[in-house]
């Protein structure tokens, strides 16, 4: 698997070569870096905001889809390694939360530099062992899948109503949903040594609130759950307060590091 471009599948609207911190944003199933369109300008000017694309979209449009989470993490790892030379943090929404968490776990397991912080939004925590049959989102009929996606509020209507657009979009969507359907591990490792915050929408019909309850057990520094009004894509209506919350959290963690907020070499 090769990265898309010299630094991988990354969109940097305002590149900062020697930043105080780099924030990496992972998108939802069927999405792209455009989920975070307009976010960069709300962060401090000395922060490097990196918006990611999985294969099959955005900067990685020409690359084949990846249906296995470990392979997707390896793809991002190869592409992002050149940018992990400064303090960094991860935020992932929906399936992007799973990828961000697994990436952080990979770094921990390999004894590498860890993110300052991990934000997981609108995605269930993994469960140990077998917890029943896989979810069936990726196995629904076209009609069922279109109806369900329409109810989530995060997919442009034209992708669901235009048959030609749907024909092109459906394989990508089904591939991404497969990542969510195969989330659970046989065993869970020790708590991740990374501060973790959970974000959610108060009326999310995709991820029930109780499915977030295990996240505190997966970190040795749980920073709480922040709930905003809205459904699965609540963040579209709360961009500025959400960015403010992320900024406040990362800034505090950055300041608590030895040497304060000075970049590493």
Protein backbone atom coordinates (compact mmCIF):
# COMPACT_ATOMS: atom_id res chain seq x y z
CA UNK A 1 0.00 0.00 0.00
CA UNK A 2 1.45 3.31 -1.00
CA UNK A 3 0.50 6.74 0.35
CA UNK A 4 -1.26 9.26 -1.88
CA UNK A 5 1.42 11.87 -2.43
CA UNK A 6 4.69 12.47 -0.57
CA UNK A 7 3.07 12.93 2.83
CA UNK A 8 0.17 10.56 2.37
CA UNK A 9 -3.58 11.22 2.23
CA UNK A 10 -3.46 14.55 4.04
CA UNK A 11 -5.15 17.87 3.33
CA UNK A 12 -3.54 20.82 5.11
CA UNK A 13 -5.46 24.02 4.37
CA UNK A 14 -2.93 26.09 6.30
CA UNK A 15 0.34 24.12 6.50
CA UNK A 16 2.55 24.88 9.49
CA UNK A 17 6.02 23.37 9.18
CA UNK A 18 7.12 23.87 12.79
CA UNK A 19 3.84 23.73 14.72
CA UNK A 20 3.16 23.67 18.43
CA UNK A 21 0.96 20.64 17.75
CA UNK A 22 -0.50 18.67 14.85
CA UNK A 23 -4.13 17.55 14.93
CA UNK A 24 -5.18 14.66 12.70
CA UNK A 25 -8.88 14.31 11.85
CA UNK A 26 -10.34 10.96 10.72
CA UNK A 27 -13.65 10.95 8.84
CA UNK A 28 -16.79 8.82 9.00
CA UNK A 29 -17.91 5.91 6.81
CA UNK A 30 -18.60 7.06 3.27
CA UNK A 31 -17.01 10.42 4.03
CA UNK A 32 -13.83 12.32 3.35
CA UNK A 33 -11.79 15.19 4.77
CA UNK A 34 -14.68 17.45 3.73
CA UNK A 35 -16.44 16.50 6.98
CA UNK A 36 -14.06 19.01 8.60
CA UNK A 37 -14.30 21.68 5.93
CA UNK A 38 -13.99 25.12 7.54
CA UNK A 39 -12.54 23.84 10.83
CA UNK A 40 -8.91 24.87 10.27
CA UNK A 41 -9.47 28.61 10.60
CA UNK A 42 -10.89 28.20 14.12
CA UNK A 43 -7.71 26.64 15.55
CA UNK A 44 -4.62 28.55 16.74
CA UNK A 45 -2.43 29.72 13.87
CA UNK A 46 0.60 27.78 15.10
CA UNK A 47 -1.30 24.47 15.04
CA UNK A 48 -1.07 22.25 11.96
CA UNK A 49 -4.51 20.84 11.14
CA UNK A 50 -4.31 17.66 9.07
CA UNK A 51 -7.51 16.36 7.46
CA UNK A 52 -7.30 12.76 6.32
CA UNK A 53 -8.76 10.73 3.47
CA UNK A 54 -9.02 6.96 3.40
CA UNK A 55 -8.39 5.33 0.01
CA UNK A 56 -11.07 5.88 -2.60
CA UNK A 57 -11.75 9.55 -1.91
CA UNK A 58 -10.11 12.98 -1.73
CA UNK A 59 -6.33 12.91 -2.05
CA UNK A 60 -6.49 9.10 -2.08
CA UNK A 61 -9.18 8.90 -4.77
CA UNK A 62 -7.11 6.73 -7.10
CA UNK A 63 -6.22 4.10 -4.50
CA UNK A 64 -8.24 0.90 -4.01
CA UNK A 65 -10.60 0.68 -1.07
CA UNK A 66 -9.33 -0.95 2.13
CA UNK A 67 -11.80 -3.17 3.95
CA UNK A 68 -9.70 -4.23 6.93
CA UNK A 69 -9.04 -1.85 9.81
CA UNK A 70 -5.49 -3.09 10.46
CA UNK A 71 -4.62 -2.51 6.80
CA UNK A 72 -6.19 0.95 6.91
CA UNK A 73 -4.19 1.84 10.03
CA UNK A 74 -1.03 0.63 8.27
CA UNK A 75 -1.89 2.83 5.29
CA UNK A 76 -2.26 5.91 7.50
CA UNK A 77 0.83 4.99 9.51
CA UNK A 78 2.99 4.91 6.38
CA UNK A 79 1.55 8.16 5.10
CA UNK A 80 1.59 10.11 8.37
CA UNK A 81 4.91 9.06 9.88
CA UNK A 82 6.77 12.07 8.41
CA UNK A 83 4.32 14.34 10.25
CA UNK A 84 4.61 12.67 13.64
CA UNK A 85 7.76 14.64 14.46
CA UNK A 86 5.89 17.20 16.57
CA UNK A 87 3.41 16.78 19.44
CA UNK A 88 0.22 15.41 17.86
CA UNK A 89 -3.35 14.44 18.66
CA UNK A 90 -6.13 12.42 17.00
CA UNK A 91 -9.84 13.09 16.59
CA UNK A 92 -12.11 10.61 14.84
CA UNK A 93 -15.82 10.74 14.09
CA UNK A 94 -17.91 7.59 13.74
CA UNK A 95 -15.83 4.89 11.98
CA UNK A 96 -12.99 7.42 12.05
CA UNK A 97 -13.00 7.06 15.85
CA UNK A 98 -12.28 3.36 15.47
CA UNK A 99 -9.39 4.02 13.10
CA UNK A 100 -7.93 6.73 15.35
CA UNK A 101 -8.15 4.44 18.40
CA UNK A 102 -6.55 1.51 16.58
CA UNK A 103 -3.78 3.78 15.28
CA UNK A 104 -3.06 4.94 18.84
CA UNK A 105 -3.02 1.29 19.99
CA UNK A 106 -0.56 0.41 17.23
CA UNK A 107 1.77 3.19 18.33
CA UNK A 108 1.54 2.05 21.97
CA UNK A 109 2.14 -1.61 21.11
CA UNK A 110 5.24 -0.66 19.10
CA UNK A 111 6.62 1.60 21.82
CA UNK A 112 6.48 4.68 19.62
CA UNK A 113 5.62 8.29 20.38
CA UNK A 114 1.97 8.52 21.46
CA UNK A 115 -0.61 11.17 20.71
CA UNK A 116 -1.13 13.83 23.35
CA UNK A 117 -4.85 13.14 23.21
CA UNK A 118 -7.49 11.04 21.50
CA UNK A 119 -11.01 12.30 20.81
CA UNK A 120 -13.60 9.67 19.82
CA UNK A 121 -16.93 10.85 18.48
CA UNK A 122 -20.15 8.90 17.92
CA UNK A 123 -18.75 5.40 17.86
CA UNK A 124 -19.24 2.45 20.17
CA UNK A 125 -16.39 1.19 22.33
CA UNK A 126 -14.98 -2.22 21.41
CA UNK A 127 -16.16 -5.24 23.35
CA UNK A 128 -13.94 -8.19 24.32
CA UNK A 129 -14.65 -11.60 22.86
CA UNK A 130 -17.64 -12.65 20.81
CA UNK A 131 -20.69 -10.47 21.38
CA UNK A 132 -23.03 -12.05 18.87
CA UNK A 133 -23.35 -11.81 15.11
CA UNK A 134 -21.80 -8.86 13.30
CA UNK A 135 -23.84 -5.78 12.61
CA UNK A 136 -25.60 -5.89 9.25
CA UNK A 137 -25.31 -2.33 7.96
CA UNK A 138 -22.98 -3.31 5.13
CA UNK A 139 -25.20 -6.29 4.20
CA UNK A 140 -28.47 -4.39 3.76
CA UNK A 141 -30.17 -4.28 0.40
CA UNK A 142 -29.69 -1.11 -1.63
CA UNK A 143 -33.16 0.15 -0.69
CA UNK A 144 -32.63 -0.59 3.02
CA UNK A 145 -29.18 0.95 3.04
CA UNK A 146 -30.37 4.10 1.29
CA UNK A 147 -33.23 4.49 3.75
CA UNK A 148 -30.97 3.95 6.74
CA UNK A 149 -28.31 6.35 5.50
CA UNK A 150 -30.98 8.96 4.84
CA UNK A 151 -32.07 8.70 8.47
CA UNK A 152 -28.57 9.43 9.79
CA UNK A 153 -28.53 12.93 8.28
CA UNK A 154 -24.90 12.85 7.21
CA UNK A 155 -25.06 11.79 3.56
CA UNK A 156 -25.92 14.29 0.80
CA UNK A 157 -29.39 13.49 -0.48
CA UNK A 158 -28.29 13.45 -4.10
CA UNK A 159 -26.00 10.49 -3.42
CA UNK A 160 -28.99 8.52 -2.21
CA UNK A 161 -31.57 9.60 -4.79
CA UNK A 162 -29.54 9.69 -8.01
CA UNK A 163 -29.15 6.10 -9.24
CA UNK A 164 -25.92 6.80 -11.11
CA UNK A 165 -24.31 8.52 -8.13
CA UNK A 166 -25.51 5.77 -5.82
CA UNK A 167 -24.01 3.09 -8.07
CA UNK A 168 -20.60 4.76 -7.72
CA UNK A 169 -20.98 5.55 -4.01
CA UNK A 170 -22.43 2.27 -2.70
CA UNK A 171 -19.22 0.16 -2.90
CA UNK A 172 -17.29 2.77 -0.93
CA UNK A 173 -20.04 3.00 1.67
CA UNK A 174 -20.34 -0.75 2.07
CA UNK A 175 -16.57 -1.10 2.39
CA UNK A 176 -16.42 1.54 5.10
CA UNK A 177 -19.35 0.09 7.00
CA UNK A 178 -17.59 -3.25 6.98
CA UNK A 179 -14.95 -1.64 9.21
CA UNK A 180 -17.65 -0.89 11.76
CA UNK A 181 -19.24 -4.32 11.49
CA UNK A 182 -16.01 -6.08 12.51
CA UNK A 183 -14.94 -3.92 15.46
CA UNK A 184 -14.59 -6.26 18.41
CA UNK A 185 -11.32 -7.92 19.47
CA UNK A 186 -10.96 -11.39 21.02
CA UNK A 187 -9.07 -9.73 23.86
CA UNK A 188 -8.52 -6.15 24.84
CA UNK A 189 -5.06 -4.96 25.81
CA UNK A 190 -4.20 -2.79 28.79
CA UNK A 191 -5.74 0.68 29.02
CA UNK A 192 -4.29 3.00 26.42
CA UNK A 193 -1.79 5.44 28.03
CA UNK A 194 -3.36 8.35 26.17
CA UNK A 195 -5.90 10.88 27.54
CA UNK A 196 -9.25 10.18 25.89
CA UNK A 197 -12.44 12.22 25.52
CA UNK A 198 -15.78 11.00 24.18
CA UNK A 199 -18.12 13.19 22.13
CA UNK A 200 -21.69 12.39 21.16
CA UNK A 201 -25.02 13.70 19.95
CA UNK A 202 -27.95 13.66 22.36
CA UNK A 203 -30.33 12.19 19.76
CA UNK A 204 -27.97 9.81 17.98
CA UNK A 205 -30.00 6.91 16.57
CA UNK A 206 -26.95 5.19 15.07
CA UNK A 207 -24.94 4.71 18.29
CA UNK A 208 -26.98 4.26 21.45
CA UNK A 209 -25.67 6.12 24.47
CA UNK A 210 -24.97 2.94 26.46
CA UNK A 211 -22.58 1.77 23.73
CA UNK A 212 -20.22 4.57 24.76
CA UNK A 213 -20.02 3.36 28.35
CA UNK A 214 -16.90 1.19 27.96
CA UNK A 215 -14.64 3.95 26.65
CA UNK A 216 -13.45 5.02 30.14
CA UNK A 217 -12.08 1.50 30.69
CA UNK A 218 -9.90 1.73 27.59
CA UNK A 219 -7.69 4.59 28.76
CA UNK A 220 -5.69 5.37 31.88
CA UNK A 221 -6.79 9.02 31.68
CA UNK A 222 -10.46 9.44 30.81
CA UNK A 223 -11.35 13.12 30.40
CA UNK A 224 -15.12 12.76 30.23
CA UNK A 225 -17.99 12.69 27.76
CA UNK A 226 -19.32 15.82 26.06
CA UNK A 227 -22.79 15.62 24.57
CA UNK A 228 -24.20 18.11 22.08
CA UNK A 229 -27.73 18.48 20.80
CA UNK A 230 -28.38 16.61 17.58
CA UNK A 231 -28.01 13.22 15.98
CA UNK A 232 -25.12 11.18 14.66
CA UNK A 233 -23.73 14.17 12.78
CA UNK A 234 -24.24 16.64 15.63
CA UNK A 235 -20.79 18.14 14.91
CA UNK A 236 -22.07 19.83 11.74
CA UNK A 237 -24.17 22.12 13.94
CA UNK A 238 -21.61 22.65 16.71
CA UNK A 239 -18.36 23.27 14.89
CA UNK A 240 -17.14 26.29 16.84
CA UNK A 241 -17.91 25.07 20.38
CA UNK A 242 -16.50 21.66 19.51
CA UNK A 243 -13.30 23.19 18.15
CA UNK A 244 -13.07 25.34 21.28
CA UNK A 245 -13.39 22.23 23.46
CA UNK A 246 -10.72 20.37 21.49
CA UNK A 247 -8.42 23.39 21.59
CA UNK A 248 -8.82 23.85 25.34
CA UNK A 249 -8.16 20.15 26.02
CA UNK A 250 -5.12 19.80 23.76
CA UNK A 251 -3.64 23.11 24.91
CA UNK A 252 -3.85 22.01 28.57
CA UNK A 253 -2.21 18.67 27.80
CA UNK A 254 0.46 20.34 25.69
CA UNK A 255 1.26 22.73 28.53
CA UNK A 256 1.56 19.85 31.01
CA UNK A 257 4.35 18.19 29.02
CA UNK A 258 7.96 18.63 30.18
CA UNK A 259 9.16 21.81 28.55
CA UNK A 260 5.61 23.12 28.09
CA UNK A 261 4.47 23.69 24.53
CA UNK A 262 7.90 23.64 22.91
CA UNK A 263 8.07 21.43 19.80
CA UNK A 264 10.19 18.32 19.85
CA UNK A 265 13.16 18.04 17.50
